[in-house]
Amino acid sequence: MTIAWHVYPLGFVGAPIRPDTTPPLCHRLPRLTSWLAYAAAMGCNALSLGPVFASSSHGYDTLDYRRIDPRLGDQADFDELVGTAHALGMRVYLDGVFNHVGRGFPALQRALAAPDGDPCRRFFAWDNHGQPRRFEGHAGLIELNHADPDVQARVADIMCLWLGRGVDGWRLDAAYTTGPAFWAKVLPRVRERFGQAYVFAEILHGDFAGFVRASGVDSATQYELWKAIWSSIHDANFFELKWALARHQAMLGSFVPVTFIGNHDVDRIASQIGPDAVPLALAILMTVGGDPHLYYGDEQGFTGTKGSGPGTDDPLRPAFPAAPDQLPDGGLYGIHRELIGLRHARPWLRRAVTTLDEVTCPRLAYTSADPDDPGRCVRVVLDLNGGPRVSISDAAGAALFDYRG
């Protein structure tokens, strides 16, 4: 049973996101390390990190896959973070941005200066006009050529390098663009050396199970369930969640999805549905199948919506204070501890079979049962009439959790 704390490191530690010049080495990672006990006390047993490699700005425009971003610190800082996490019983996952690199990537600069036909140009994708292909139109993000065996080998080498340095797994950024065939070439090389590594892909829509099967990844991000959770609560219409849960149950027949109600790319859950309703979204997350990931700050009711221009995502990725005692205690952290504890006590929830008992626009009741022993179950009732309410009980009807906003 894995419950991960998802952190965007550059934002968390207050690093400058768009430095005007090459930033000097600054040892900011220890600030994140000092918060790991807070996450472990909440019940998280994994740390899922956003980009940590040297980059030009937000971390997704990589300059050097083998070096920690100097705005975060150095290898010793990272080793301390991993060691502390492991001592607390937390696994560590890295963000593998292998679909594209930053425009300042040294090999790209060499390729841009080379004539057509030069072997170094094969490493990158080019458009019909002979220009490097931009990722989703972003001028600063240039796509790699994933059909090139050299690219496949180098990505496998980078993944193995960091697994050898102690990390436990990878999130594959923008895997929906890279496609499964690339990973089917890369991952066997990785698993040959690190068979226990956990690898999950960022997928937004489509045939999730088919991608997992064809690529060889362990899991994929369940964006359909995320959308249905917040949207159903926001619109007081649980029929959308009914549809999504049916799709989700089908996925669980093939793999265990990575589930979430917030991440570094989407509006904060407290902004989408209001702070009083966050416990309802969390209760759903903790009582249906999946490997839940919790985005840092959501457990404190942080708000934030996407902006515009170059800083579109900045409001979603704020700095945390120096220490936990500098955060106001609004009670939501305690609710997270309680619901995470409920899930840890029932590890079968990871593959739970969820059946709907009642569905109306403002009210939903469902049962999540152990697939190997249906007599072990939890019953969940969510009600938006007169204010957000959620109750969870066991098979005998004993109350396990009750919240009224």
Protein backbone atom coordinates (compact mmCIF):
# COMPACT_ATOMS: atom_id res chain seq x y z
CA MET A 1 0.00 0.00 0.00
CA THR A 2 1.63 3.22 -1.18
CA ILE A 3 0.50 6.75 -0.41
CA ALA A 4 2.82 9.35 -1.87
CA TRP A 5 3.44 13.00 -1.01
CA HIS A 6 3.90 14.76 -4.34
CA VAL A 7 6.22 17.78 -4.18
CA TYR A 8 7.36 20.29 -6.80
CA PRO A 9 10.86 20.91 -5.39
CA LEU A 10 11.80 24.22 -7.01
CA GLY A 11 8.61 25.82 -5.77
CA PHE A 12 8.65 24.13 -2.37
CA VAL A 13 12.07 25.51 -1.45
CA GLY A 14 11.44 28.96 -2.91
CA ALA A 15 14.03 28.73 -5.69
CA PRO A 16 13.94 31.36 -8.46
CA ILE A 17 12.02 29.79 -11.33
CA ARG A 18 13.27 32.08 -14.12
CA PRO A 19 16.76 33.27 -13.21
CA ASP A 20 18.23 35.90 -15.53
CA THR A 21 21.69 34.36 -15.33
CA THR A 22 23.18 30.98 -14.54
CA PRO A 23 22.21 30.49 -10.89
CA PRO A 24 24.91 29.85 -8.30
CA LEU A 25 24.89 26.70 -6.21
CA CYS A 26 22.43 27.14 -3.35
CA HIS A 27 21.77 24.36 -0.84
CA ARG A 28 17.97 24.54 -0.65
CA LEU A 29 17.14 20.80 -0.68
CA PRO A 30 17.75 20.41 3.08
CA ARG A 31 14.69 22.60 3.56
CA LEU A 32 12.59 19.89 1.90
CA THR A 33 14.41 17.14 3.79
CA SER A 34 13.37 18.74 7.07
CA TRP A 35 9.69 18.30 6.09
CA LEU A 36 9.81 14.57 5.42
CA ALA A 37 8.92 13.66 9.00
CA TYR A 38 5.79 15.80 8.60
CA ALA A 39 4.77 13.80 5.52
CA ALA A 40 5.56 10.48 7.19
CA ALA A 41 3.53 11.45 10.26
CA MET A 42 0.59 12.15 7.95
CA GLY A 43 0.89 8.56 6.72
CA CYS A 44 2.77 8.97 3.45
CA ASN A 45 5.27 6.24 2.67
CA ALA A 46 6.58 7.62 -0.62
CA LEU A 47 7.89 10.95 -1.88
CA SER A 48 7.14 11.73 -5.52
CA LEU A 49 9.38 14.58 -6.65
CA GLY A 50 8.94 16.97 -9.52
CA PRO A 51 12.01 17.82 -11.62
CA VAL A 52 15.33 17.92 -9.77
CA PHE A 53 17.79 18.00 -12.67
CA ALA A 54 19.65 21.08 -13.92
CA SER A 55 17.33 23.15 -16.10
CA SER A 56 16.79 26.65 -17.45
CA SER A 57 13.61 27.58 -15.58
CA HIS A 58 10.71 25.46 -14.32
CA GLY A 59 12.53 22.13 -14.38
CA TYR A 60 10.89 20.64 -17.45
CA ASP A 61 13.47 22.25 -19.77
CA THR A 62 16.33 19.96 -18.79
CA LEU A 63 19.97 20.91 -19.39
CA ASP A 64 21.73 18.02 -17.65
CA TYR A 65 20.06 14.76 -16.57
CA ARG A 66 23.05 13.71 -14.52
CA ARG A 67 23.29 16.72 -12.23
CA ILE A 68 21.03 18.12 -9.50
CA ASP A 69 19.77 21.60 -10.30
CA PRO A 70 22.16 24.04 -8.55
CA ARG A 71 19.14 26.03 -7.38
CA LEU A 72 18.29 22.98 -5.25
CA GLY A 73 21.79 21.98 -4.20
CA ASP A 74 24.25 19.25 -5.08
CA GLN A 75 24.51 15.48 -5.04
CA ALA A 76 25.29 15.39 -1.32
CA ASP A 77 22.08 17.31 -0.59
CA PHE A 78 20.11 14.87 -2.70
CA ASP A 79 21.75 11.85 -1.08
CA GLU A 80 20.76 13.22 2.33
CA LEU A 81 17.16 13.64 1.16
CA VAL A 82 16.98 10.06 -0.12
CA GLY A 83 18.65 8.69 3.01
CA THR A 84 16.27 10.55 5.30
CA ALA A 85 13.25 9.41 3.30
CA HIS A 86 14.35 5.79 3.44
CA ALA A 87 15.00 6.03 7.18
CA LEU A 88 11.40 7.21 7.59
CA GLY A 89 10.09 4.31 5.50
CA MET A 90 9.42 6.45 2.43
CA ARG A 91 10.29 5.46 -1.13
CA VAL A 92 11.49 8.17 -3.54
CA TYR A 93 10.27 8.66 -7.12
CA LEU A 94 11.83 11.04 -9.64
CA ASP A 95 10.17 12.92 -12.48
CA GLY A 96 11.56 11.59 -15.75
CA VAL A 97 11.21 14.35 -18.33
CA PHE A 98 12.33 12.28 -21.30
CA ASN A 99 9.95 13.52 -23.96
CA HIS A 100 11.80 16.81 -24.46
CA VAL A 101 14.77 18.90 -23.32
CA GLY A 102 15.43 22.59 -22.88
CA ARG A 103 16.58 24.66 -25.84
CA GLY A 104 19.90 25.19 -24.05
CA PHE A 105 20.58 21.42 -23.85
CA PRO A 106 24.25 21.14 -24.96
CA ALA A 107 23.71 18.30 -27.44
CA LEU A 108 20.87 20.26 -29.02
CA GLN A 109 23.10 23.27 -29.47
CA ARG A 110 25.65 21.08 -31.24
CA ALA A 111 22.92 19.61 -33.44
CA LEU A 112 21.62 23.06 -34.38
CA ALA A 113 25.12 24.04 -35.54
CA ALA A 114 25.69 20.81 -37.47
CA PRO A 115 24.84 20.34 -41.16
CA ASP A 116 21.96 18.16 -42.31
CA GLY A 117 22.89 14.52 -42.16
CA ASP A 118 25.26 14.90 -39.24
CA PRO A 119 24.71 11.93 -36.87
CA CYS A 120 24.25 14.21 -33.85
CA ARG A 121 21.01 15.53 -35.34
CA ARG A 122 19.37 12.10 -35.07
CA PHE A 123 19.01 12.58 -31.31
CA PHE A 124 16.24 15.18 -31.82
CA ALA A 125 12.95 15.43 -33.71
CA TRP A 126 12.73 17.90 -36.62
CA ASP A 127 9.72 19.38 -38.37
CA ASN A 128 9.14 19.61 -42.12
CA HIS A 129 10.98 22.93 -42.24
CA GLY A 130 14.15 21.54 -40.72
CA GLN A 131 13.48 23.14 -37.34
CA PRO A 132 13.62 21.28 -34.01
CA ARG A 133 10.12 20.16 -33.10
CA ARG A 134 8.60 21.96 -30.15
CA PHE A 135 6.73 20.10 -27.44
CA GLU A 136 3.10 21.25 -27.57
CA GLY A 137 4.20 24.51 -29.17
CA HIS A 138 6.56 25.59 -26.37
CA ALA A 139 9.59 27.32 -27.91
CA GLY A 140 11.81 26.36 -24.99
CA LEU A 141 10.99 22.62 -25.07
CA ILE A 142 12.46 20.51 -27.89
CA GLU A 143 11.37 16.92 -28.49
CA LEU A 144 13.77 14.01 -28.58
CA ASN A 145 13.68 11.48 -31.41
CA HIS A 146 12.22 8.49 -29.60
CA ALA A 147 12.68 6.18 -32.59
CA ASP A 148 16.46 6.52 -32.33
CA PRO A 149 18.06 3.53 -30.54
CA ASP A 150 20.69 5.86 -29.08
CA VAL A 151 17.99 7.93 -27.38
CA GLN A 152 16.41 4.77 -26.01
CA ALA A 153 19.76 3.58 -24.64
CA ARG A 154 20.63 6.93 -23.09
CA VAL A 155 17.28 7.27 -21.34
CA ALA A 156 17.67 3.75 -19.91
CA ASP A 157 21.16 4.66 -18.73
CA ILE A 158 19.91 7.82 -16.98
CA MET A 159 17.10 5.93 -15.26
CA CYS A 160 19.55 3.29 -14.07
CA LEU A 161 22.06 5.91 -12.92
CA TRP A 162 19.58 7.42 -10.46
CA LEU A 163 18.14 4.10 -9.40
CA GLY A 164 21.72 3.18 -8.59
CA ARG A 165 21.97 6.34 -6.52
CA GLY A 166 19.12 5.15 -4.34
CA VAL A 167 15.81 6.26 -5.85
CA ASP A 168 13.00 3.75 -6.05
CA GLY A 169 11.04 4.66 -9.13
CA TRP A 170 10.09 7.09 -11.87
CA ARG A 171 7.18 9.16 -13.06
CA LEU A 172 7.33 9.41 -16.86
CA ASP A 173 6.38 12.95 -17.79
CA ALA A 174 4.20 13.46 -20.89
CA ALA A 175 4.23 9.73 -21.64
CA TYR A 176 1.00 10.28 -23.57
CA THR A 177 3.15 12.04 -26.21
CA THR A 178 6.17 9.74 -26.09
CA GLY A 179 3.96 6.72 -26.72
CA PRO A 180 4.20 3.14 -25.41
CA ALA A 181 6.57 1.77 -28.08
CA PHE A 182 9.45 3.87 -26.79
CA TRP A 183 9.04 2.63 -23.25
CA ALA A 184 8.73 -0.94 -24.45
CA LYS A 185 12.31 -0.51 -25.72
CA VAL A 186 13.63 1.32 -22.65
CA LEU A 187 12.10 -0.42 -19.66
CA PRO A 188 13.42 -3.98 -20.22
CA ARG A 189 16.95 -2.57 -19.97
CA VAL A 190 16.04 -0.82 -16.73
CA ARG A 191 14.29 -3.81 -15.20
CA GLU A 192 17.19 -6.09 -16.06
CA ARG A 193 19.22 -4.17 -13.48
CA PHE A 194 16.50 -2.80 -11.18
CA GLY A 195 13.63 -5.24 -11.23
CA GLN A 196 11.86 -3.67 -8.25
CA ALA A 197 11.75 -0.13 -9.65
CA TYR A 198 8.25 1.35 -9.77
CA VAL A 199 7.46 3.22 -12.99
CA PHE A 200 4.26 5.11 -13.74
CA ALA A 201 3.28 7.12 -16.78
CA GLU A 202 1.55 10.47 -17.08
CA ILE A 203 -1.55 9.69 -19.17
CA LEU A 204 -4.42 12.16 -19.59
CA HIS A 205 -7.09 10.13 -21.40
CA GLY A 206 -7.66 7.23 -23.76
CA ASP A 207 -6.85 3.56 -23.35
CA PHE A 208 -5.01 3.59 -20.03
CA ALA A 209 -4.87 -0.20 -19.69
CA GLY A 210 -3.67 -0.57 -23.27
CA PHE A 211 -0.84 1.89 -22.70
CA VAL A 212 0.26 0.13 -19.51
CA ARG A 213 0.20 -3.23 -21.24
CA ALA A 214 2.06 -2.09 -24.37
CA SER A 215 4.67 0.05 -22.62
CA GLY A 216 5.58 -2.15 -19.68
CA VAL A 217 5.02 0.55 -17.05
CA ASP A 218 3.50 -0.40 -13.72
CA SER A 219 0.80 2.25 -13.64
CA ALA A 220 -0.61 5.46 -15.10
CA THR A 221 -2.09 8.66 -13.71
CA GLN A 222 -5.88 8.45 -13.43
CA TYR A 223 -6.96 11.85 -14.75
CA GLU A 224 -10.50 10.67 -15.50
CA LEU A 225 -11.16 9.93 -11.83
CA TRP A 226 -9.55 13.22 -10.75
CA LYS A 227 -11.85 15.17 -13.06
CA ALA A 228 -14.95 13.30 -11.96
CA ILE A 229 -14.25 13.73 -8.24
CA TRP A 230 -13.91 17.51 -8.23
CA SER A 231 -16.45 18.13 -10.97
CA SER A 232 -19.17 15.99 -9.35
CA ILE A 233 -18.74 17.78 -6.03
CA HIS A 234 -18.54 21.21 -7.67
CA ASP A 235 -21.70 20.64 -9.74
CA ALA A 236 -23.53 18.58 -7.10
CA ASN A 237 -23.98 15.88 -9.73
CA PHE A 238 -22.57 12.48 -8.80
CA PHE A 239 -23.64 10.87 -12.07
CA GLU A 240 -20.31 11.93 -13.59
CA LEU A 241 -18.49 10.10 -10.80
CA LYS A 242 -20.70 7.07 -11.37
CA TRP A 243 -19.43 6.81 -14.95
CA ALA A 244 -15.81 7.40 -13.95
CA LEU A 245 -15.92 4.78 -11.20
CA ALA A 246 -17.11 2.19 -13.71
CA ARG A 247 -14.12 3.02 -15.94
CA HIS A 248 -11.85 3.01 -12.91
CA GLN A 249 -13.05 -0.42 -11.83
CA ALA A 250 -12.29 -1.77 -15.28
CA MET A 251 -8.74 -0.37 -15.07
CA LEU A 252 -8.22 -2.11 -11.74
CA GLY A 253 -8.71 -5.40 -13.55
CA SER A 254 -5.43 -4.71 -15.38
CA PHE A 255 -3.33 -2.46 -13.14
CA VAL A 256 -3.53 -0.22 -10.06
CA PRO A 257 -3.81 3.41 -11.22
CA VAL A 258 -2.08 6.37 -9.61
CA THR A 259 -4.97 8.37 -8.16
CA PHE A 260 -4.98 11.99 -7.00
CA ILE A 261 -7.12 15.04 -6.31
CA GLY A 262 -4.35 17.55 -6.97
CA ASN A 263 -0.98 17.93 -8.66
CA HIS A 264 1.44 20.53 -10.00
CA ASP A 265 -0.52 21.09 -13.23
CA VAL A 266 -4.13 21.56 -12.07
CA ASP A 267 -6.06 24.05 -9.97
CA ARG A 268 -5.92 23.31 -6.25
CA ILE A 269 -8.71 21.09 -4.99
CA ALA A 270 -9.66 23.69 -2.34
CA SER A 271 -10.06 26.27 -5.13
CA GLN A 272 -12.16 23.93 -7.23
CA ILE A 273 -14.69 22.83 -4.63
CA GLY A 274 -14.08 25.03 -1.57
CA PRO A 275 -12.11 24.11 1.56
CA ASP A 276 -15.17 22.70 3.36
CA ALA A 277 -15.68 20.07 0.68
CA VAL A 278 -12.07 18.87 0.45
CA PRO A 279 -12.69 16.05 2.98
CA LEU A 280 -15.30 14.60 0.60
CA ALA A 281 -12.83 14.46 -2.27
CA LEU A 282 -10.20 12.97 0.03
CA ALA A 283 -12.64 10.36 1.35
CA ILE A 284 -13.33 9.18 -2.18
CA LEU A 285 -9.61 9.03 -2.94
CA MET A 286 -8.95 6.95 0.17
CA THR A 287 -11.81 4.48 -0.26
CA VAL A 288 -11.51 3.42 -3.90
CA GLY A 289 -8.77 1.38 -5.55
CA GLY A 290 -5.48 2.96 -6.54
CA ASP A 291 -2.16 4.29 -5.29
CA PRO A 292 -3.06 7.77 -3.96
CA HIS A 293 -0.74 10.72 -4.45
CA LEU A 294 -1.30 13.84 -2.32
CA TYR A 295 -0.05 17.17 -3.59
CA TYR A 296 1.88 19.18 -1.04
CA GLY A 297 -0.20 21.93 0.54
CA ASP A 298 -3.55 20.31 -0.23
CA GLU A 299 -3.42 18.80 3.26
CA GLN A 300 -3.37 22.39 4.56
CA GLY A 301 -6.14 23.68 2.31
CA PHE A 302 -3.83 25.70 0.05
CA THR A 303 -5.64 27.46 -2.78
CA GLY A 304 -4.36 28.36 -6.23
CA THR A 305 -5.53 28.52 -9.82
CA LYS A 306 -3.63 28.66 -13.07
CA GLY A 307 -2.49 32.10 -14.18
CA SER A 308 -1.49 33.27 -17.63
CA GLY A 309 1.69 33.84 -19.59
CA PRO A 310 5.08 32.38 -18.61
CA GLY A 311 4.00 32.03 -14.97
CA THR A 312 0.85 30.03 -15.70
CA ASP A 313 1.59 27.34 -13.12
CA ASP A 314 3.37 29.45 -10.50
CA PRO A 315 0.27 29.85 -8.28
CA LEU A 316 0.05 26.05 -8.04
CA ARG A 317 3.65 25.60 -6.90
CA PRO A 318 4.28 27.81 -3.85
CA ALA A 319 7.05 27.79 -1.30
CA PHE A 320 6.52 26.06 2.04
CA PRO A 321 7.68 27.77 5.23
CA ALA A 322 10.90 26.76 6.92
CA ALA A 323 9.22 24.47 9.45
CA PRO A 324 5.82 22.82 10.08
CA ASP A 325 5.09 24.96 13.14
CA GLN A 326 4.87 27.96 10.80
CA LEU A 327 1.74 26.58 9.13
CA PRO A 328 -1.65 27.40 10.68
CA ASP A 329 -3.53 24.32 11.84
CA GLY A 330 -6.91 24.45 10.16
CA GLY A 331 -7.77 20.83 10.93
CA LEU A 332 -7.41 19.49 7.40
CA TYR A 333 -4.03 17.91 8.12
CA GLY A 334 -5.64 15.92 10.93
CA ILE A 335 -8.41 14.76 8.58
CA HIS A 336 -5.74 13.59 6.14
CA ARG A 337 -4.04 11.61 8.91
CA GLU A 338 -7.33 10.03 9.89
CA LEU A 339 -8.35 8.97 6.38
CA ILE A 340 -4.86 7.81 5.43
CA GLY A 341 -4.80 5.76 8.63
CA LEU A 342 -8.17 4.24 7.69
CA ARG A 343 -6.70 3.18 4.36
CA HIS A 344 -3.46 1.79 5.79
CA ALA A 345 -5.52 -0.34 8.16
CA ARG A 346 -7.25 -1.87 5.12
CA PRO A 347 -4.53 -2.58 2.54
CA TRP A 348 -7.06 -4.44 0.39
CA LEU A 349 -8.51 -1.01 -0.55
CA ARG A 350 -5.68 -0.71 -3.06
CA ARG A 351 -7.58 -3.15 -5.32
CA ALA A 352 -11.03 -2.65 -3.89
CA VAL A 353 -14.15 -3.56 -5.83
CA THR A 354 -16.44 -0.54 -5.65
CA THR A 355 -20.17 -0.90 -6.26
CA LEU A 356 -22.72 1.90 -6.20
CA ASP A 357 -25.61 1.67 -3.75
CA GLU A 358 -27.35 4.99 -4.41
CA VAL A 359 -26.79 7.78 -6.92
CA THR A 360 -28.65 11.07 -7.19
CA CYS A 361 -27.33 14.46 -8.22
CA PRO A 362 -26.44 15.59 -4.67
CA ARG A 363 -26.00 12.20 -2.98
CA LEU A 364 -23.80 9.15 -3.56
CA ALA A 365 -23.48 5.94 -1.58
CA TYR A 366 -21.10 3.13 -2.48
CA THR A 367 -19.40 0.06 -1.03
CA SER A 368 -15.74 -0.77 -1.52
CA ALA A 369 -14.94 -4.40 -0.76
CA ASP A 370 -11.92 -6.65 -0.53
CA PRO A 371 -11.77 -8.47 -3.89
CA ASP A 372 -10.69 -11.66 -2.07
CA ASP A 373 -13.19 -11.39 0.77
CA PRO A 374 -16.29 -9.30 -0.10
CA GLY A 375 -17.41 -9.48 3.52
CA ARG A 376 -14.62 -7.03 4.35
CA CYS A 377 -15.77 -3.66 3.12
CA VAL A 378 -16.36 0.00 3.83
CA ARG A 379 -19.55 1.88 3.05
CA VAL A 380 -19.30 5.52 2.03
CA VAL A 381 -22.10 8.08 1.91
CA LEU A 382 -21.54 11.54 0.43
CA ASP A 383 -24.26 14.16 0.62
CA LEU A 384 -24.25 17.74 -0.66
CA ASN A 385 -27.72 18.66 0.59
CA GLY A 386 -27.40 21.50 3.08
CA GLY A 387 -23.61 21.42 3.17
CA PRO A 388 -20.94 18.82 2.36
CA ARG A 389 -21.13 15.64 4.44
CA VAL A 390 -19.40 12.27 4.29
CA SER A 391 -19.59 9.20 6.50
CA ILE A 392 -17.69 5.93 6.31
CA SER A 393 -18.70 2.77 8.14
CA ASP A 394 -17.54 -0.83 8.20
CA ALA A 395 -19.44 -3.97 7.19
CA ALA A 396 -21.17 -4.12 10.57
CA GLY A 397 -22.30 -0.51 10.35
CA ALA A 398 -19.81 0.83 12.89
CA ALA A 399 -18.75 4.40 12.18
CA LEU A 400 -15.18 4.82 10.93
CA PHE A 401 -15.25 8.47 9.86
CA ASP A 402 -17.80 11.25 9.90
CA TYR A 403 -17.48 14.79 8.60
CA ARG A 404 -19.98 17.61 8.23
CA GLY A 405 -18.76 20.84 6.68
